[in-house]
Amino acid sequence: RFLRDWRIVMEKLAAIDPVGKVLFELIKEH
């Protein structure tokens, strides 16, 4: 999940929705 799925979540949040910015920044940080 870390290798694939959470990175996909980050990419989709960055592409489509500012509401998920906190989660996007958290995943990006780690």
PDB file of all heavy atoms in Angstrom:
ATOM      1  N   ARG A   1       0.833  -1.210   0.000  1.00  0.00           N
ATOM      2  CA  ARG A   1       0.000   0.000   0.000  1.00  0.00           C
ATOM      3  C   ARG A   1       0.871   1.266   0.000  1.00  0.00           C
ATOM      4  O   ARG A   1       0.553   2.246  -0.674  1.00  0.00           O
ATOM      5  CB  ARG A   1      -0.944   0.004   1.206  1.00  0.00           C
ATOM      6  CG  ARG A   1      -2.084  -0.996   1.085  1.00  0.00           C
ATOM      7  CD  ARG A   1      -3.194  -0.703   2.070  1.00  0.00           C
ATOM      8  NE  ARG A   1      -2.765  -0.827   3.451  1.00  0.00           N
ATOM      9  CZ  ARG A   1      -2.767  -1.945   4.159  1.00  0.00           C
ATOM     10  NH1 ARG A   1      -3.170  -3.079   3.589  1.00  0.00           N
ATOM     11  NH2 ARG A   1      -2.374  -1.969   5.416  1.00  0.00           N
ATOM     12  N   PHE A   2       1.964   1.243   0.767  1.00  0.00           N
ATOM     13  CA  PHE A   2       2.846   2.406   0.777  1.00  0.00           C
ATOM     14  C   PHE A   2       3.561   2.567  -0.560  1.00  0.00           C
ATOM     15  O   PHE A   2       3.766   3.682  -1.044  1.00  0.00           O
ATOM     16  CB  PHE A   2       3.879   2.288   1.900  1.00  0.00           C
ATOM     17  CG  PHE A   2       3.393   2.827   3.213  1.00  0.00           C
ATOM     18  CD1 PHE A   2       2.959   1.969   4.209  1.00  0.00           C
ATOM     19  CD2 PHE A   2       3.352   4.185   3.448  1.00  0.00           C
ATOM     20  CE1 PHE A   2       2.505   2.455   5.425  1.00  0.00           C
ATOM     21  CE2 PHE A   2       2.895   4.691   4.662  1.00  0.00           C
ATOM     22  CZ  PHE A   2       2.471   3.827   5.645  1.00  0.00           C
ATOM     23  N   LEU A   3       3.939   1.485  -1.151  1.00  0.00           N
ATOM     24  CA  LEU A   3       4.676   1.542  -2.408  1.00  0.00           C
ATOM     25  C   LEU A   3       3.799   2.034  -3.545  1.00  0.00           C
ATOM     26  O   LEU A   3       4.262   2.749  -4.440  1.00  0.00           O
ATOM     27  CB  LEU A   3       5.246   0.160  -2.739  1.00  0.00           C
ATOM     28  CG  LEU A   3       6.063   0.026  -4.026  1.00  0.00           C
ATOM     29  CD1 LEU A   3       7.274   0.944  -3.984  1.00  0.00           C
ATOM     30  CD2 LEU A   3       6.505  -1.415  -4.217  1.00  0.00           C
ATOM     31  N   ARG A   4       2.524   1.705  -3.490  1.00  0.00           N
ATOM     32  CA  ARG A   4       1.662   1.982  -4.630  1.00  0.00           C
ATOM     33  C   ARG A   4       0.447   2.845  -4.279  1.00  0.00           C
ATOM     34  O   ARG A   4       0.281   3.950  -4.790  1.00  0.00           O
ATOM     35  CB  ARG A   4       1.188   0.660  -5.222  1.00  0.00           C
ATOM     36  CG  ARG A   4       0.216   0.797  -6.368  1.00  0.00           C
ATOM     37  CD  ARG A   4      -0.305  -0.550  -6.817  1.00  0.00           C
ATOM     38  NE  ARG A   4      -1.320  -0.427  -7.842  1.00  0.00           N
ATOM     39  CZ  ARG A   4      -2.019  -1.437  -8.343  1.00  0.00           C
ATOM     40  NH1 ARG A   4      -1.792  -2.653  -7.898  1.00  0.00           N
ATOM     41  NH2 ARG A   4      -2.921  -1.252  -9.270  1.00  0.00           N
ATOM     42  N   ASP A   5      -0.391   2.360  -3.369  1.00  0.00           N
ATOM     43  CA  ASP A   5      -1.726   2.947  -3.190  1.00  0.00           C
ATOM     44  C   ASP A   5      -1.703   4.349  -2.587  1.00  0.00           C
ATOM     45  O   ASP A   5      -2.423   5.239  -3.056  1.00  0.00           O
ATOM     46  CB  ASP A   5      -2.587   2.020  -2.316  1.00  0.00           C
ATOM     47  CG  ASP A   5      -2.803   0.663  -2.973  1.00  0.00           C
ATOM     48  OD1 ASP A   5      -2.952   0.625  -4.199  1.00  0.00           O
ATOM     49  OD2 ASP A   5      -2.804  -0.361  -2.263  1.00  0.00           O
ATOM     50  N   TRP A   6      -0.881   4.565  -1.541  1.00  0.00           N
ATOM     51  CA  TRP A   6      -0.883   5.895  -0.926  1.00  0.00           C
ATOM     52  C   TRP A   6      -0.285   6.933  -1.868  1.00  0.00           C
ATOM     53  O   TRP A   6      -0.673   8.112  -1.845  1.00  0.00           O
ATOM     54  CB  TRP A   6      -0.141   5.865   0.406  1.00  0.00           C
ATOM     55  CG  TRP A   6      -0.954   5.255   1.518  1.00  0.00           C
ATOM     56  CD1 TRP A   6      -0.698   4.091   2.179  1.00  0.00           C
ATOM     57  CD2 TRP A   6      -2.163   5.782   2.067  1.00  0.00           C
ATOM     58  NE1 TRP A   6      -1.686   3.850   3.118  1.00  0.00           N
ATOM     59  CE2 TRP A   6      -2.590   4.877   3.073  1.00  0.00           C
ATOM     60  CE3 TRP A   6      -2.936   6.922   1.831  1.00  0.00           C
ATOM     61  CZ2 TRP A   6      -3.743   5.073   3.828  1.00  0.00           C
ATOM     62  CZ3 TRP A   6      -4.089   7.125   2.574  1.00  0.00           C
ATOM     63  CH2 TRP A   6      -4.484   6.217   3.551  1.00  0.00           C
ATOM     64  N   ARG A   7       0.632   6.535  -2.716  1.00  0.00           N
ATOM     65  CA  ARG A   7       1.188   7.470  -3.702  1.00  0.00           C
ATOM     66  C   ARG A   7       0.126   7.832  -4.752  1.00  0.00           C
ATOM     67  O   ARG A   7       0.064   8.968  -5.226  1.00  0.00           O
ATOM     68  CB  ARG A   7       2.424   6.871  -4.368  1.00  0.00           C
ATOM     69  CG  ARG A   7       3.649   6.846  -3.436  1.00  0.00           C
ATOM     70  CD  ARG A   7       4.918   6.471  -4.171  1.00  0.00           C
ATOM     71  NE  ARG A   7       6.088   6.687  -3.337  1.00  0.00           N
ATOM     72  CZ  ARG A   7       6.894   5.731  -2.891  1.00  0.00           C
ATOM     73  NH1 ARG A   7       6.645   4.471  -3.197  1.00  0.00           N
ATOM     74  NH2 ARG A   7       7.943   6.013  -2.147  1.00  0.00           N
ATOM     75  N   ILE A   8      -0.702   6.849  -5.107  1.00  0.00           N
ATOM     76  CA  ILE A   8      -1.794   7.125  -6.048  1.00  0.00           C
ATOM     77  C   ILE A   8      -2.783   8.097  -5.421  1.00  0.00           C
ATOM     78  O   ILE A   8      -3.279   9.027  -6.081  1.00  0.00           O
ATOM     79  CB  ILE A   8      -2.498   5.816  -6.455  1.00  0.00           C
ATOM     80  CG1 ILE A   8      -1.558   4.959  -7.304  1.00  0.00           C
ATOM     81  CG2 ILE A   8      -3.782   6.109  -7.224  1.00  0.00           C
ATOM     82  CD1 ILE A   8      -2.117   3.589  -7.654  1.00  0.00           C
ATOM     83  N   VAL A   9      -3.097   7.897  -4.134  1.00  0.00           N
ATOM     84  CA  VAL A   9      -3.983   8.818  -3.418  1.00  0.00           C
ATOM     85  C   VAL A   9      -3.413  10.234  -3.480  1.00  0.00           C
ATOM     86  O   VAL A   9      -4.133  11.204  -3.754  1.00  0.00           O
ATOM     87  CB  VAL A   9      -4.170   8.369  -1.947  1.00  0.00           C
ATOM     88  CG1 VAL A   9      -4.845   9.465  -1.134  1.00  0.00           C
ATOM     89  CG2 VAL A   9      -4.983   7.086  -1.880  1.00  0.00           C
ATOM     90  N   MET A  10      -2.113  10.362  -3.211  1.00  0.00           N
ATOM     91  CA  MET A  10      -1.479  11.671  -3.233  1.00  0.00           C
ATOM     92  C   MET A  10      -1.590  12.320  -4.616  1.00  0.00           C
ATOM     93  O   MET A  10      -1.939  13.504  -4.739  1.00  0.00           O
ATOM     94  CB  MET A  10      -0.004  11.540  -2.837  1.00  0.00           C
ATOM     95  CG  MET A  10       0.739  12.863  -2.807  1.00  0.00           C
ATOM     96  SD  MET A  10       2.481  12.699  -2.292  1.00  0.00           S
ATOM     97  CE  MET A  10       3.160  11.841  -3.723  1.00  0.00           C
ATOM     98  N   GLU A  11      -1.340  11.544  -5.650  1.00  0.00           N
ATOM     99  CA  GLU A  11      -1.395  12.088  -7.007  1.00  0.00           C
ATOM    100  C   GLU A  11      -2.802  12.563  -7.367  1.00  0.00           C
ATOM    101  O   GLU A  11      -2.982  13.628  -7.969  1.00  0.00           O
ATOM    102  CB  GLU A  11      -0.934  11.028  -8.011  1.00  0.00           C
ATOM    103  CG  GLU A  11       0.560  10.709  -7.913  1.00  0.00           C
ATOM    104  CD  GLU A  11       0.935   9.471  -8.692  1.00  0.00           C
ATOM    105  OE1 GLU A  11       0.041   8.906  -9.359  1.00  0.00           O
ATOM    106  OE2 GLU A  11       2.111   9.060  -8.636  1.00  0.00           O
ATOM    107  N   LYS A  12      -3.799  11.780  -6.978  1.00  0.00           N
ATOM    108  CA  LYS A  12      -5.177  12.147  -7.318  1.00  0.00           C
ATOM    109  C   LYS A  12      -5.654  13.344  -6.517  1.00  0.00           C
ATOM    110  O   LYS A  12      -6.390  14.190  -7.026  1.00  0.00           O
ATOM    111  CB  LYS A  12      -6.100  10.947  -7.105  1.00  0.00           C
ATOM    112  CG  LYS A  12      -5.872   9.833  -8.120  1.00  0.00           C
ATOM    113  CD  LYS A  12      -6.936   8.765  -8.040  1.00  0.00           C
ATOM    114  CE  LYS A  12      -6.760   7.747  -9.167  1.00  0.00           C
ATOM    115  NZ  LYS A  12      -7.796   6.693  -9.154  1.00  0.00           N
ATOM    116  N   LEU A  13      -5.235  13.435  -5.266  1.00  0.00           N
ATOM    117  CA  LEU A  13      -5.610  14.597  -4.460  1.00  0.00           C
ATOM    118  C   LEU A  13      -4.995  15.860  -5.034  1.00  0.00           C
ATOM    119  O   LEU A  13      -5.634  16.914  -5.081  1.00  0.00           O
ATOM    120  CB  LEU A  13      -5.150  14.402  -3.014  1.00  0.00           C
ATOM    121  CG  LEU A  13      -5.950  13.408  -2.166  1.00  0.00           C
ATOM    122  CD1 LEU A  13      -5.280  13.209  -0.826  1.00  0.00           C
ATOM    123  CD2 LEU A  13      -7.383  13.895  -1.967  1.00  0.00           C
ATOM    124  N   ALA A  14      -3.749  15.756  -5.482  1.00  0.00           N
ATOM    125  CA  ALA A  14      -3.071  16.925  -6.040  1.00  0.00           C
ATOM    126  C   ALA A  14      -3.748  17.369  -7.335  1.00  0.00           C
ATOM    127  O   ALA A  14      -3.783  18.559  -7.650  1.00  0.00           O
ATOM    128  CB  ALA A  14      -1.610  16.598  -6.293  1.00  0.00           C
ATOM    129  N   ALA A  15      -4.289  16.395  -8.052  1.00  0.00           N
ATOM    130  CA  ALA A  15      -4.837  16.699  -9.375  1.00  0.00           C
ATOM    131  C   ALA A  15      -6.260  17.239  -9.323  1.00  0.00           C
ATOM    132  O   ALA A  15      -6.642  18.050 -10.164  1.00  0.00           O
ATOM    133  CB  ALA A  15      -4.793  15.443 -10.245  1.00  0.00           C
ATOM    134  N   ILE A  16      -7.043  16.819  -8.328  1.00  0.00           N
ATOM    135  CA  ILE A  16      -8.476  17.093  -8.439  1.00  0.00           C
ATOM    136  C   ILE A  16      -9.086  17.903  -7.313  1.00  0.00           C
ATOM    137  O   ILE A  16     -10.156  18.472  -7.496  1.00  0.00           O
ATOM    138  CB  ILE A  16      -9.276  15.771  -8.569  1.00  0.00           C
ATOM    139  CG1 ILE A  16      -9.107  14.931  -7.295  1.00  0.00           C
ATOM    140  CG2 ILE A  16      -8.858  14.986  -9.798  1.00  0.00           C
ATOM    141  CD1 ILE A  16     -10.003  13.704  -7.281  1.00  0.00           C
ATOM    142  N   ASP A  17      -8.448  18.011  -6.148  1.00  0.00           N
ATOM    143  CA  ASP A  17      -9.233  18.559  -5.047  1.00  0.00           C
ATOM    144  C   ASP A  17      -8.409  19.271  -3.987  1.00  0.00           C
ATOM    145  O   ASP A  17      -7.575  18.656  -3.326  1.00  0.00           O
ATOM    146  CB  ASP A  17     -10.009  17.410  -4.370  1.00  0.00           C
ATOM    147  CG  ASP A  17     -11.296  17.936  -3.745  1.00  0.00           C
ATOM    148  OD1 ASP A  17     -11.270  19.064  -3.237  1.00  0.00           O
ATOM    149  OD2 ASP A  17     -12.295  17.224  -3.785  1.00  0.00           O
ATOM    150  N   PRO A  18      -8.644  20.564  -3.755  1.00  0.00           N
ATOM    151  CA  PRO A  18      -7.939  21.284  -2.692  1.00  0.00           C
ATOM    152  C   PRO A  18      -8.399  20.902  -1.298  1.00  0.00           C
ATOM    153  O   PRO A  18      -7.698  21.168  -0.319  1.00  0.00           O
ATOM    154  CB  PRO A  18      -8.276  22.750  -3.000  1.00  0.00           C
ATOM    155  CG  PRO A  18      -9.565  22.702  -3.759  1.00  0.00           C
ATOM    156  CD  PRO A  18      -9.516  21.441  -4.555  1.00  0.00           C
ATOM    157  N   VAL A  19      -9.586  20.260  -1.200  1.00  0.00           N
ATOM    158  CA  VAL A  19     -10.091  19.852   0.111  1.00  0.00           C
ATOM    159  C   VAL A  19      -9.163  18.822   0.756  1.00  0.00           C
ATOM    160  O   VAL A  19      -9.019  18.760   1.972  1.00  0.00           O
ATOM    161  CB  VAL A  19     -11.526  19.282  -0.007  1.00  0.00           C
ATOM    162  CG1 VAL A  19     -12.042  18.812   1.346  1.00  0.00           C
ATOM    163  CG2 VAL A  19     -12.458  20.325  -0.600  1.00  0.00           C
ATOM    164  N   GLY A  20      -8.491  18.034  -0.064  1.00  0.00           N
ATOM    165  CA  GLY A  20      -7.592  17.009   0.469  1.00  0.00           C
ATOM    166  C   GLY A  20      -6.174  17.487   0.629  1.00  0.00           C
ATOM    167  O   GLY A  20      -5.261  16.663   0.713  1.00  0.00           O
ATOM    168  N   LYS A  21      -5.990  18.796   0.731  1.00  0.00           N
ATOM    169  CA  LYS A  21      -4.634  19.347   0.784  1.00  0.00           C
ATOM    170  C   LYS A  21      -3.851  18.866   1.998  1.00  0.00           C
ATOM    171  O   LYS A  21      -2.653  18.586   1.900  1.00  0.00           O
ATOM    172  CB  LYS A  21      -4.696  20.875   0.783  1.00  0.00           C
ATOM    173  CG  LYS A  21      -3.326  21.534   0.733  1.00  0.00           C
ATOM    174  CD  LYS A  21      -3.428  23.045   0.677  1.00  0.00           C
ATOM    175  CE  LYS A  21      -2.052  23.677   0.645  1.00  0.00           C
ATOM    176  NZ  LYS A  21      -2.118  25.158   0.602  1.00  0.00           N
ATOM    177  N   VAL A  22      -4.511  18.755   3.151  1.00  0.00           N
ATOM    178  CA  VAL A  22      -3.815  18.333   4.367  1.00  0.00           C
ATOM    179  C   VAL A  22      -3.263  16.924   4.205  1.00  0.00           C
ATOM    180  O   VAL A  22      -2.096  16.651   4.514  1.00  0.00           O
ATOM    181  CB  VAL A  22      -4.753  18.396   5.591  1.00  0.00           C
ATOM    182  CG1 VAL A  22      -4.046  17.832   6.834  1.00  0.00           C
ATOM    183  CG2 VAL A  22      -5.200  19.827   5.846  1.00  0.00           C
ATOM    184  N   LEU A  23      -4.115  16.021   3.686  1.00  0.00           N
ATOM    185  CA  LEU A  23      -3.664  14.653   3.463  1.00  0.00           C
ATOM    186  C   LEU A  23      -2.569  14.613   2.401  1.00  0.00           C
ATOM    187  O   LEU A  23      -1.571  13.901   2.540  1.00  0.00           O
ATOM    188  CB  LEU A  23      -4.836  13.763   3.051  1.00  0.00           C
ATOM    189  CG  LEU A  23      -4.503  12.304   2.735  1.00  0.00           C
ATOM    190  CD1 LEU A  23      -3.819  11.629   3.922  1.00  0.00           C
ATOM    191  CD2 LEU A  23      -5.765  11.529   2.347  1.00  0.00           C
ATOM    192  N   PHE A  24      -2.725  15.383   1.349  1.00  0.00           N
ATOM    193  CA  PHE A  24      -1.715  15.456   0.298  1.00  0.00           C
ATOM    194  C   PHE A  24      -0.365  15.872   0.870  1.00  0.00           C
ATOM    195  O   PHE A  24       0.666  15.253   0.591  1.00  0.00           O
ATOM    196  CB  PHE A  24      -2.160  16.439  -0.781  1.00  0.00           C
ATOM    197  CG  PHE A  24      -1.080  16.780  -1.766  1.00  0.00           C
ATOM    198  CD1 PHE A  24      -0.776  15.919  -2.804  1.00  0.00           C
ATOM    199  CD2 PHE A  24      -0.352  17.965  -1.646  1.00  0.00           C
ATOM    200  CE1 PHE A  24       0.234  16.229  -3.720  1.00  0.00           C
ATOM    201  CE2 PHE A  24       0.656  18.275  -2.552  1.00  0.00           C
ATOM    202  CZ  PHE A  24       0.946  17.404  -3.585  1.00  0.00           C
ATOM    203  N   GLU A  25      -0.362  16.932   1.688  1.00  0.00           N
ATOM    204  CA  GLU A  25       0.888  17.430   2.257  1.00  0.00           C
ATOM    205  C   GLU A  25       1.498  16.412   3.218  1.00  0.00           C
ATOM    206  O   GLU A  25       2.723  16.263   3.289  1.00  0.00           O
ATOM    207  CB  GLU A  25       0.641  18.757   2.976  1.00  0.00           C
ATOM    208  CG  GLU A  25       0.260  19.914   2.064  1.00  0.00           C
ATOM    209  CD  GLU A  25       1.377  20.295   1.113  1.00  0.00           C
ATOM    210  OE1 GLU A  25       2.545  19.970   1.396  1.00  0.00           O
ATOM    211  OE2 GLU A  25       1.086  20.919   0.068  1.00  0.00           O
ATOM    212  N   LEU A  26       0.653  15.694   3.971  1.00  0.00           N
ATOM    213  CA  LEU A  26       1.145  14.698   4.931  1.00  0.00           C
ATOM    214  C   LEU A  26       1.830  13.535   4.202  1.00  0.00           C
ATOM    215  O   LEU A  26       2.921  13.104   4.593  1.00  0.00           O
ATOM    216  CB  LEU A  26      -0.006  14.177   5.796  1.00  0.00           C
ATOM    217  CG  LEU A  26       0.372  13.206   6.919  1.00  0.00           C
ATOM    218  CD1 LEU A  26       1.294  13.875   7.922  1.00  0.00           C
ATOM    219  CD2 LEU A  26      -0.877  12.681   7.612  1.00  0.00           C
ATOM    220  N   ILE A  27       1.180  13.045   3.154  1.00  0.00           N
ATOM    221  CA  ILE A  27       1.774  11.944   2.391  1.00  0.00           C
ATOM    222  C   ILE A  27       3.060  12.413   1.716  1.00  0.00           C
ATOM    223  O   ILE A  27       4.080  11.706   1.728  1.00  0.00           O
ATOM    224  CB  ILE A  27       0.783  11.406   1.340  1.00  0.00           C
ATOM    225  CG1 ILE A  27      -0.467  10.838   2.025  1.00  0.00           C
ATOM    226  CG2 ILE A  27       1.446  10.316   0.491  1.00  0.00           C
ATOM    227  CD1 ILE A  27      -1.557  10.419   1.048  1.00  0.00           C
ATOM    228  N   LYS A  28       3.024  13.610   1.141  1.00  0.00           N
ATOM    229  CA  LYS A  28       4.195  14.150   0.470  1.00  0.00           C
ATOM    230  C   LYS A  28       5.376  14.297   1.425  1.00  0.00           C
ATOM    231  O   LYS A  28       6.525  14.012   1.070  1.00  0.00           O
ATOM    232  CB  LYS A  28       3.853  15.501  -0.146  1.00  0.00           C
ATOM    233  CG  LYS A  28       4.985  16.117  -0.960  1.00  0.00           C
ATOM    234  CD  LYS A  28       4.562  17.439  -1.573  1.00  0.00           C
ATOM    235  CE  LYS A  28       5.702  18.065  -2.363  1.00  0.00           C
ATOM    236  NZ  LYS A  28       5.306  19.383  -2.940  1.00  0.00           N
ATOM    237  N   GLU A  29       5.079  14.723   2.660  1.00  0.00           N
ATOM    238  CA  GLU A  29       6.133  14.918   3.660  1.00  0.00           C
ATOM    239  C   GLU A  29       6.886  13.633   3.958  1.00  0.00           C
ATOM    240  O   GLU A  29       8.105  13.627   4.159  1.00  0.00           O
ATOM    241  CB  GLU A  29       5.521  15.476   4.949  1.00  0.00           C
ATOM    242  CG  GLU A  29       6.514  15.655   6.086  1.00  0.00           C
ATOM    243  CD  GLU A  29       5.828  16.067   7.381  1.00  0.00           C
ATOM    244  OE1 GLU A  29       4.617  16.342   7.364  1.00  0.00           O
ATOM    245  OE2 GLU A  29       6.527  16.098   8.425  1.00  0.00           O
ATOM    246  N   HIS A  30       6.172  12.496   3.996  1.00  0.00           N
ATOM    247  CA  HIS A  30       6.777  11.209   4.373  1.00  0.00           C
ATOM    248  C   HIS A  30       7.127  10.343   3.169  1.00  0.00           C
ATOM    249  O   HIS A  30       7.686   9.259   3.338  1.00  0.00           O
ATOM    250  CB  HIS A  30       5.824  10.437   5.287  1.00  0.00           C
ATOM    251  CG  HIS A  30       5.599  11.086   6.616  1.00  0.00           C
ATOM    252  ND1 HIS A  30       6.492  10.950   7.662  1.00  0.00           N
ATOM    253  CD2 HIS A  30       4.597  11.880   7.061  1.00  0.00           C
ATOM    254  CE1 HIS A  30       6.038  11.626   8.707  1.00  0.00           C
ATOM    255  NE2 HIS A  30       4.897  12.203   8.372  1.00  0.00           N
TER     256      HIS A  30
END
